[in-house]
């Protein structure tokens, strides 16, 4: 147990640094060819019960199948819950930051299709993906580089290497990590403005067990 303490302390310190840099990380930048980051405002109110029920079914299905932890070699227990952490202007952090050495392979969390691949000011090198049923969108940011040959429209299998951990965009240069966001969507045409869900309870470790949590979304 003692041998794990330095690593845990270092990871925690890095997350504290990320939180401390929140105003810098979320500062607005120049216009980009597609959304800088997923929308962080709550979903519109007035959604009917039938739609709510469909969304509950989708969420439970995702919980049952689970998501592969998208950074190779990182134990599930080492992933800190940074979802909903405060950011400037009253916003919240609608993702989890998974710390790993620069160049660590990033894996597709589930089967899906690449919606967009490119760069923006905040996220740096980013990839957007959607699951086969078009119910959930996934945002991978701060990549050092992409996997060779990956492009928009590609169908990707769960566990496929899609890129590598880095510090592009406005990530602190000494804290390489993957910014991983999960969103529930109801319209594929509005994939960047879905409802954020905490991805941590859906992530599966090597043993195929998800990390239990009573709170899955804001």
C-alpha atoms as a PDB file:
ATOM      1  CA  UNK A   1       0.000   0.000   0.000  1.00  0.00           C
ATOM      2  CA  UNK A   2       2.838   2.412   0.809  1.00  0.00           C
ATOM      3  CA  UNK A   3       4.318   2.106  -2.637  1.00  0.00           C
ATOM      4  CA  UNK A   4       1.103   3.458  -4.172  1.00  0.00           C
ATOM      5  CA  UNK A   5       1.062   6.619  -2.083  1.00  0.00           C
ATOM      6  CA  UNK A   6       3.470   8.719  -4.207  1.00  0.00           C
ATOM      7  CA  UNK A   7       1.569   7.929  -7.414  1.00  0.00           C
ATOM      8  CA  UNK A   8      -1.771   8.713  -5.842  1.00  0.00           C
ATOM      9  CA  UNK A   9      -0.409  11.928  -4.355  1.00  0.00           C
ATOM     10  CA  UNK A  10       1.025  12.984  -7.703  1.00  0.00           C
ATOM     11  CA  UNK A  11      -2.236  12.277  -9.507  1.00  0.00           C
ATOM     12  CA  UNK A  12      -4.238  14.177  -6.903  1.00  0.00           C
ATOM     13  CA  UNK A  13      -1.836  17.110  -7.071  1.00  0.00           C
ATOM     14  CA  UNK A  14      -2.187  17.225 -10.847  1.00  0.00           C
ATOM     15  CA  UNK A  15      -5.973  17.286 -10.604  1.00  0.00           C
ATOM     16  CA  UNK A  16      -5.744  20.096  -8.069  1.00  0.00           C
ATOM     17  CA  UNK A  17      -3.583  21.965 -10.593  1.00  0.00           C
ATOM     18  CA  UNK A  18      -6.195  21.423 -13.297  1.00  0.00           C
ATOM     19  CA  UNK A  19      -8.901  22.814 -11.007  1.00  0.00           C
ATOM     20  CA  UNK A  20      -6.716  25.755 -10.037  1.00  0.00           C
ATOM     21  CA  UNK A  21      -6.197  26.551 -13.711  1.00  0.00           C
ATOM     22  CA  UNK A  22      -9.932  26.389 -14.439  1.00  0.00           C
ATOM     23  CA  UNK A  23     -10.256  30.064 -15.475  1.00  0.00           C
ATOM     24  CA  UNK A  24      -7.410  29.550 -17.952  1.00  0.00           C
ATOM     25  CA  UNK A  25      -8.684  26.233 -19.219  1.00  0.00           C
ATOM     26  CA  UNK A  26     -12.123  27.554 -20.000  1.00  0.00           C
ATOM     27  CA  UNK A  27     -11.223  30.979 -21.350  1.00  0.00           C
ATOM     28  CA  UNK A  28     -12.959  31.737 -24.656  1.00  0.00           C
ATOM     29  CA  UNK A  29     -10.859  31.509 -27.799  1.00  0.00           C
ATOM     30  CA  UNK A  30     -11.182  32.338 -31.487  1.00  0.00           C
ATOM     31  CA  UNK A  31     -13.905  30.767 -33.559  1.00  0.00           C
ATOM     32  CA  UNK A  32     -13.186  27.211 -34.667  1.00  0.00           C
ATOM     33  CA  UNK A  33     -14.595  25.040 -37.481  1.00  0.00           C
ATOM     34  CA  UNK A  34     -16.773  23.153 -34.996  1.00  0.00           C
ATOM     35  CA  UNK A  35     -17.811  23.558 -31.335  1.00  0.00           C
ATOM     36  CA  UNK A  36     -14.921  24.321 -28.969  1.00  0.00           C
ATOM     37  CA  UNK A  37     -16.403  22.168 -26.233  1.00  0.00           C
ATOM     38  CA  UNK A  38     -19.713  20.395 -25.671  1.00  0.00           C
ATOM     39  CA  UNK A  39     -22.532  22.648 -24.504  1.00  0.00           C
ATOM     40  CA  UNK A  40     -22.469  23.042 -20.728  1.00  0.00           C
ATOM     41  CA  UNK A  41     -25.928  24.459 -20.135  1.00  0.00           C
ATOM     42  CA  UNK A  42     -28.787  22.285 -18.830  1.00  0.00           C
ATOM     43  CA  UNK A  43     -31.136  20.643 -21.301  1.00  0.00           C
ATOM     44  CA  UNK A  44     -34.366  22.498 -22.150  1.00  0.00           C
ATOM     45  CA  UNK A  45     -37.164  21.983 -19.654  1.00  0.00           C
ATOM     46  CA  UNK A  46     -40.589  20.618 -20.422  1.00  0.00           C
ATOM     47  CA  UNK A  47     -39.517  17.223 -21.710  1.00  0.00           C
ATOM     48  CA  UNK A  48     -42.404  14.790 -21.631  1.00  0.00           C
ATOM     49  CA  UNK A  49     -42.479  11.628 -19.566  1.00  0.00           C
ATOM     50  CA  UNK A  50     -42.343   9.235 -22.572  1.00  0.00           C
ATOM     51  CA  UNK A  51     -39.081  10.801 -23.764  1.00  0.00           C
ATOM     52  CA  UNK A  52     -37.721  10.758 -20.225  1.00  0.00           C
ATOM     53  CA  UNK A  53     -38.515   7.065 -20.003  1.00  0.00           C
ATOM     54  CA  UNK A  54     -36.746   6.319 -23.287  1.00  0.00           C
ATOM     55  CA  UNK A  55     -33.712   8.166 -21.983  1.00  0.00           C
ATOM     56  CA  UNK A  56     -33.763   6.155 -18.764  1.00  0.00           C
ATOM     57  CA  UNK A  57     -33.841   2.934 -20.777  1.00  0.00           C
ATOM     58  CA  UNK A  58     -30.905   4.118 -22.894  1.00  0.00           C
ATOM     59  CA  UNK A  59     -28.929   5.033 -19.792  1.00  0.00           C
ATOM     60  CA  UNK A  60     -29.607   1.699 -18.115  1.00  0.00           C
ATOM     61  CA  UNK A  61     -28.558  -0.119 -21.280  1.00  0.00           C
ATOM     62  CA  UNK A  62     -25.292   1.798 -21.305  1.00  0.00           C
ATOM     63  CA  UNK A  63     -24.764   0.990 -17.645  1.00  0.00           C
ATOM     64  CA  UNK A  64     -25.312  -2.710 -18.396  1.00  0.00           C
ATOM     65  CA  UNK A  65     -22.806  -2.810 -21.259  1.00  0.00           C
ATOM     66  CA  UNK A  66     -20.375  -0.386 -19.649  1.00  0.00           C
ATOM     67  CA  UNK A  67     -17.709   1.772 -21.258  1.00  0.00           C
ATOM     68  CA  UNK A  68     -14.116   0.715 -21.665  1.00  0.00           C
ATOM     69  CA  UNK A  69     -11.791   2.950 -19.675  1.00  0.00           C
ATOM     70  CA  UNK A  70     -10.425   4.965 -22.620  1.00  0.00           C
ATOM     71  CA  UNK A  71      -6.787   5.301 -21.542  1.00  0.00           C
ATOM     72  CA  UNK A  72      -4.693   2.157 -21.821  1.00  0.00           C
ATOM     73  CA  UNK A  73      -3.143   0.847 -18.625  1.00  0.00           C
ATOM     74  CA  UNK A  74      -4.884   3.214 -16.201  1.00  0.00           C
ATOM     75  CA  UNK A  75      -6.559   1.302 -13.331  1.00  0.00           C
ATOM     76  CA  UNK A  76     -10.168   2.275 -12.722  1.00  0.00           C
ATOM     77  CA  UNK A  77      -9.407   3.048  -9.093  1.00  0.00           C
ATOM     78  CA  UNK A  78      -6.894   5.710 -10.120  1.00  0.00           C
ATOM     79  CA  UNK A  79      -9.454   7.777 -12.041  1.00  0.00           C
ATOM     80  CA  UNK A  80     -10.505  10.736  -9.908  1.00  0.00           C
ATOM     81  CA  UNK A  81     -14.064  12.050 -10.170  1.00  0.00           C
ATOM     82  CA  UNK A  82     -13.534  15.526 -11.626  1.00  0.00           C
ATOM     83  CA  UNK A  83     -17.054  15.702 -13.079  1.00  0.00           C
ATOM     84  CA  UNK A  84     -19.025  18.764 -11.970  1.00  0.00           C
ATOM     85  CA  UNK A  85     -15.915  20.508 -10.635  1.00  0.00           C
ATOM     86  CA  UNK A  86     -16.327  24.313 -10.629  1.00  0.00           C
ATOM     87  CA  UNK A  87     -15.109  26.386 -13.550  1.00  0.00           C
ATOM     88  CA  UNK A  88     -15.161  30.126 -14.157  1.00  0.00           C
ATOM     89  CA  UNK A  89     -18.343  32.038 -15.009  1.00  0.00           C
ATOM     90  CA  UNK A  90     -20.379  29.659 -12.853  1.00  0.00           C
ATOM     91  CA  UNK A  91     -19.914  26.718 -15.217  1.00  0.00           C
ATOM     92  CA  UNK A  92     -19.159  23.132 -14.217  1.00  0.00           C
ATOM     93  CA  UNK A  93     -16.688  20.586 -15.579  1.00  0.00           C
ATOM     94  CA  UNK A  94     -18.902  18.203 -17.556  1.00  0.00           C
ATOM     95  CA  UNK A  95     -16.220  15.540 -18.022  1.00  0.00           C
ATOM     96  CA  UNK A  96     -13.567  13.512 -16.230  1.00  0.00           C
ATOM     97  CA  UNK A  97      -9.847  14.107 -16.662  1.00  0.00           C
ATOM     98  CA  UNK A  98      -7.865  10.869 -16.894  1.00  0.00           C
ATOM     99  CA  UNK A  99      -4.187  11.454 -16.157  1.00  0.00           C
ATOM    100  CA  UNK A 100      -1.528   9.380 -17.934  1.00  0.00           C
ATOM    101  CA  UNK A 101       1.957   9.831 -19.394  1.00  0.00           C
ATOM    102  CA  UNK A 102       2.192  11.680 -22.685  1.00  0.00           C
ATOM    103  CA  UNK A 103       1.798   9.295 -25.601  1.00  0.00           C
ATOM    104  CA  UNK A 104      -0.313   6.723 -23.740  1.00  0.00           C
ATOM    105  CA  UNK A 105      -2.808   5.143 -26.187  1.00  0.00           C
ATOM    106  CA  UNK A 106      -6.385   6.411 -26.043  1.00  0.00           C
ATOM    107  CA  UNK A 107      -9.003   3.740 -26.728  1.00  0.00           C
ATOM    108  CA  UNK A 108     -12.535   3.975 -28.095  1.00  0.00           C
ATOM    109  CA  UNK A 109     -14.777   3.550 -25.052  1.00  0.00           C
ATOM    110  CA  UNK A 110     -17.394   1.723 -27.112  1.00  0.00           C
ATOM    111  CA  UNK A 111     -18.252   0.816 -30.700  1.00  0.00           C
ATOM    112  CA  UNK A 112     -19.193   3.879 -32.694  1.00  0.00           C
ATOM    113  CA  UNK A 113     -18.659   6.287 -35.562  1.00  0.00           C
ATOM    114  CA  UNK A 114     -16.303   9.253 -35.761  1.00  0.00           C
ATOM    115  CA  UNK A 115     -18.467  12.373 -36.058  1.00  0.00           C
ATOM    116  CA  UNK A 116     -15.683  14.927 -36.171  1.00  0.00           C
ATOM    117  CA  UNK A 117     -11.909  14.945 -35.889  1.00  0.00           C
ATOM    118  CA  UNK A 118      -9.837  18.100 -35.790  1.00  0.00           C
ATOM    119  CA  UNK A 119      -8.517  20.845 -33.567  1.00  0.00           C
ATOM    120  CA  UNK A 120      -9.920  23.742 -31.575  1.00  0.00           C
ATOM    121  CA  UNK A 121      -8.558  26.338 -29.186  1.00  0.00           C
ATOM    122  CA  UNK A 122      -9.737  24.786 -25.937  1.00  0.00           C
ATOM    123  CA  UNK A 123      -9.556  21.063 -26.614  1.00  0.00           C
ATOM    124  CA  UNK A 124      -6.577  21.028 -28.947  1.00  0.00           C
ATOM    125  CA  UNK A 125      -6.663  17.806 -30.941  1.00  0.00           C
ATOM    126  CA  UNK A 126     -10.132  16.347 -30.404  1.00  0.00           C
ATOM    127  CA  UNK A 127     -12.345  13.508 -31.548  1.00  0.00           C
ATOM    128  CA  UNK A 128     -16.141  13.316 -31.393  1.00  0.00           C
ATOM    129  CA  UNK A 129     -17.793   9.902 -31.636  1.00  0.00           C
ATOM    130  CA  UNK A 130     -21.354   8.580 -31.428  1.00  0.00           C
ATOM    131  CA  UNK A 131     -22.540   5.117 -30.379  1.00  0.00           C
ATOM    132  CA  UNK A 132     -24.231   2.799 -32.952  1.00  0.00           C
ATOM    133  CA  UNK A 133     -27.728   3.688 -31.697  1.00  0.00           C
ATOM    134  CA  UNK A 134     -26.974   7.430 -31.824  1.00  0.00           C
ATOM    135  CA  UNK A 135     -28.048   7.854 -28.210  1.00  0.00           C
ATOM    136  CA  UNK A 136     -24.703   8.916 -26.749  1.00  0.00           C
ATOM    137  CA  UNK A 137     -21.889  11.165 -27.948  1.00  0.00           C
ATOM    138  CA  UNK A 138     -18.301  10.993 -26.701  1.00  0.00           C
ATOM    139  CA  UNK A 139     -15.741  13.797 -26.681  1.00  0.00           C
ATOM    140  CA  UNK A 140     -12.002  13.074 -26.401  1.00  0.00           C
ATOM    141  CA  UNK A 141      -9.791  16.152 -25.989  1.00  0.00           C
ATOM    142  CA  UNK A 142      -6.160  17.299 -25.526  1.00  0.00           C
ATOM    143  CA  UNK A 143      -4.801  14.471 -27.682  1.00  0.00           C
ATOM    144  CA  UNK A 144      -1.088  14.627 -28.457  1.00  0.00           C
ATOM    145  CA  UNK A 145      -1.852  13.145 -31.873  1.00  0.00           C
ATOM    146  CA  UNK A 146      -4.370  10.937 -33.636  1.00  0.00           C
ATOM    147  CA  UNK A 147      -4.012   7.284 -34.517  1.00  0.00           C
ATOM    148  CA  UNK A 148      -2.721   6.923 -38.057  1.00  0.00           C
ATOM    149  CA  UNK A 149      -5.441   6.850 -40.689  1.00  0.00           C
ATOM    150  CA  UNK A 150      -8.414   7.713 -38.468  1.00  0.00           C
ATOM    151  CA  UNK A 151     -10.918  10.032 -40.154  1.00  0.00           C
ATOM    152  CA  UNK A 152     -14.463  11.369 -39.978  1.00  0.00           C
ATOM    153  CA  UNK A 153     -17.067   8.730 -40.771  1.00  0.00           C
ATOM    154  CA  UNK A 154     -14.925   5.783 -39.691  1.00  0.00           C
ATOM    155  CA  UNK A 155     -16.688   3.011 -37.809  1.00  0.00           C
ATOM    156  CA  UNK A 156     -14.554   2.211 -34.802  1.00  0.00           C
ATOM    157  CA  UNK A 157     -14.628  -0.915 -32.650  1.00  0.00           C
ATOM    158  CA  UNK A 158     -14.496  -0.730 -28.868  1.00  0.00           C
ATOM    159  CA  UNK A 159     -10.890  -0.785 -27.677  1.00  0.00           C
ATOM    160  CA  UNK A 160      -9.397   0.530 -30.926  1.00  0.00           C
ATOM    161  CA  UNK A 161      -6.568   3.027 -30.470  1.00  0.00           C
ATOM    162  CA  UNK A 162      -7.859   6.392 -31.709  1.00  0.00           C
ATOM    163  CA  UNK A 163      -5.122   8.694 -30.429  1.00  0.00           C
ATOM    164  CA  UNK A 164      -2.574   9.405 -27.728  1.00  0.00           C
ATOM    165  CA  UNK A 165      -2.653  11.350 -24.455  1.00  0.00           C
ATOM    166  CA  UNK A 166      -1.239  14.847 -24.635  1.00  0.00           C
ATOM    167  CA  UNK A 167      -1.569  18.476 -23.570  1.00  0.00           C
ATOM    168  CA  UNK A 168      -2.835  20.211 -26.703  1.00  0.00           C
ATOM    169  CA  UNK A 169      -5.309  23.074 -26.498  1.00  0.00           C
ATOM    170  CA  UNK A 170      -5.246  24.928 -23.201  1.00  0.00           C
ATOM    171  CA  UNK A 171      -4.245  21.963 -21.055  1.00  0.00           C
ATOM    172  CA  UNK A 172      -1.376  22.649 -18.621  1.00  0.00           C
ATOM    173  CA  UNK A 173       1.752  21.502 -20.450  1.00  0.00           C
ATOM    174  CA  UNK A 174       3.041  19.475 -17.500  1.00  0.00           C
ATOM    175  CA  UNK A 175      -0.245  17.602 -16.854  1.00  0.00           C
ATOM    176  CA  UNK A 176      -0.916  15.272 -19.795  1.00  0.00           C
ATOM    177  CA  UNK A 177      -4.414  13.849 -19.595  1.00  0.00           C
ATOM    178  CA  UNK A 178      -7.506  12.868 -21.551  1.00  0.00           C
ATOM    179  CA  UNK A 179     -10.555  15.073 -21.150  1.00  0.00           C
ATOM    180  CA  UNK A 180     -13.349  12.510 -21.628  1.00  0.00           C
ATOM    181  CA  UNK A 181     -16.966  13.576 -21.887  1.00  0.00           C
ATOM    182  CA  UNK A 182     -20.167  11.550 -22.249  1.00  0.00           C
ATOM    183  CA  UNK A 183     -23.437  13.093 -23.433  1.00  0.00           C
ATOM    184  CA  UNK A 184     -26.909  11.680 -23.919  1.00  0.00           C
ATOM    185  CA  UNK A 185     -28.381  12.951 -27.191  1.00  0.00           C
ATOM    186  CA  UNK A 186     -31.863  12.910 -28.698  1.00  0.00           C
ATOM    187  CA  UNK A 187     -31.001  14.361 -32.116  1.00  0.00           C
ATOM    188  CA  UNK A 188     -27.876  13.358 -34.032  1.00  0.00           C
ATOM    189  CA  UNK A 189     -27.929  16.752 -35.749  1.00  0.00           C
ATOM    190  CA  UNK A 190     -27.398  18.386 -32.346  1.00  0.00           C
ATOM    191  CA  UNK A 191     -24.764  15.999 -31.082  1.00  0.00           C
ATOM    192  CA  UNK A 192     -22.659  18.732 -29.490  1.00  0.00           C
ATOM    193  CA  UNK A 193     -25.451  19.970 -27.209  1.00  0.00           C
ATOM    194  CA  UNK A 194     -26.526  16.812 -25.436  1.00  0.00           C
ATOM    195  CA  UNK A 195     -27.070  16.303 -21.719  1.00  0.00           C
ATOM    196  CA  UNK A 196     -23.777  15.661 -19.892  1.00  0.00           C
ATOM    197  CA  UNK A 197     -23.541  12.477 -17.839  1.00  0.00           C
ATOM    198  CA  UNK A 198     -20.790  11.597 -15.423  1.00  0.00           C
ATOM    199  CA  UNK A 199     -18.908   8.885 -17.346  1.00  0.00           C
ATOM    200  CA  UNK A 200     -17.193   7.480 -14.262  1.00  0.00           C
ATOM    201  CA  UNK A 201     -20.015   5.140 -13.131  1.00  0.00           C
ATOM    202  CA  UNK A 202     -20.124   3.628 -16.626  1.00  0.00           C
ATOM    203  CA  UNK A 203     -16.400   2.938 -16.932  1.00  0.00           C
ATOM    204  CA  UNK A 204     -15.253  -0.652 -16.666  1.00  0.00           C
ATOM    205  CA  UNK A 205     -11.946  -1.831 -15.242  1.00  0.00           C
ATOM    206  CA  UNK A 206      -9.934  -4.805 -16.434  1.00  0.00           C
ATOM    207  CA  UNK A 207     -12.179  -7.138 -14.441  1.00  0.00           C
ATOM    208  CA  UNK A 208     -15.256  -5.889 -16.297  1.00  0.00           C
ATOM    209  CA  UNK A 209     -16.726  -4.220 -13.222  1.00  0.00           C
ATOM    210  CA  UNK A 210     -18.136  -0.704 -13.335  1.00  0.00           C
ATOM    211  CA  UNK A 211     -17.467   1.821 -10.614  1.00  0.00           C
ATOM    212  CA  UNK A 212     -20.686   2.228  -8.625  1.00  0.00           C
ATOM    213  CA  UNK A 213     -21.998   5.707  -7.976  1.00  0.00           C
ATOM    214  CA  UNK A 214     -25.454   7.022  -7.011  1.00  0.00           C
ATOM    215  CA  UNK A 215     -25.022  10.145  -9.145  1.00  0.00           C
ATOM    216  CA  UNK A 216     -24.688   9.796 -12.917  1.00  0.00           C
ATOM    217  CA  UNK A 217     -25.506  13.313 -14.012  1.00  0.00           C
ATOM    218  CA  UNK A 218     -26.022  16.806 -12.746  1.00  0.00           C
END
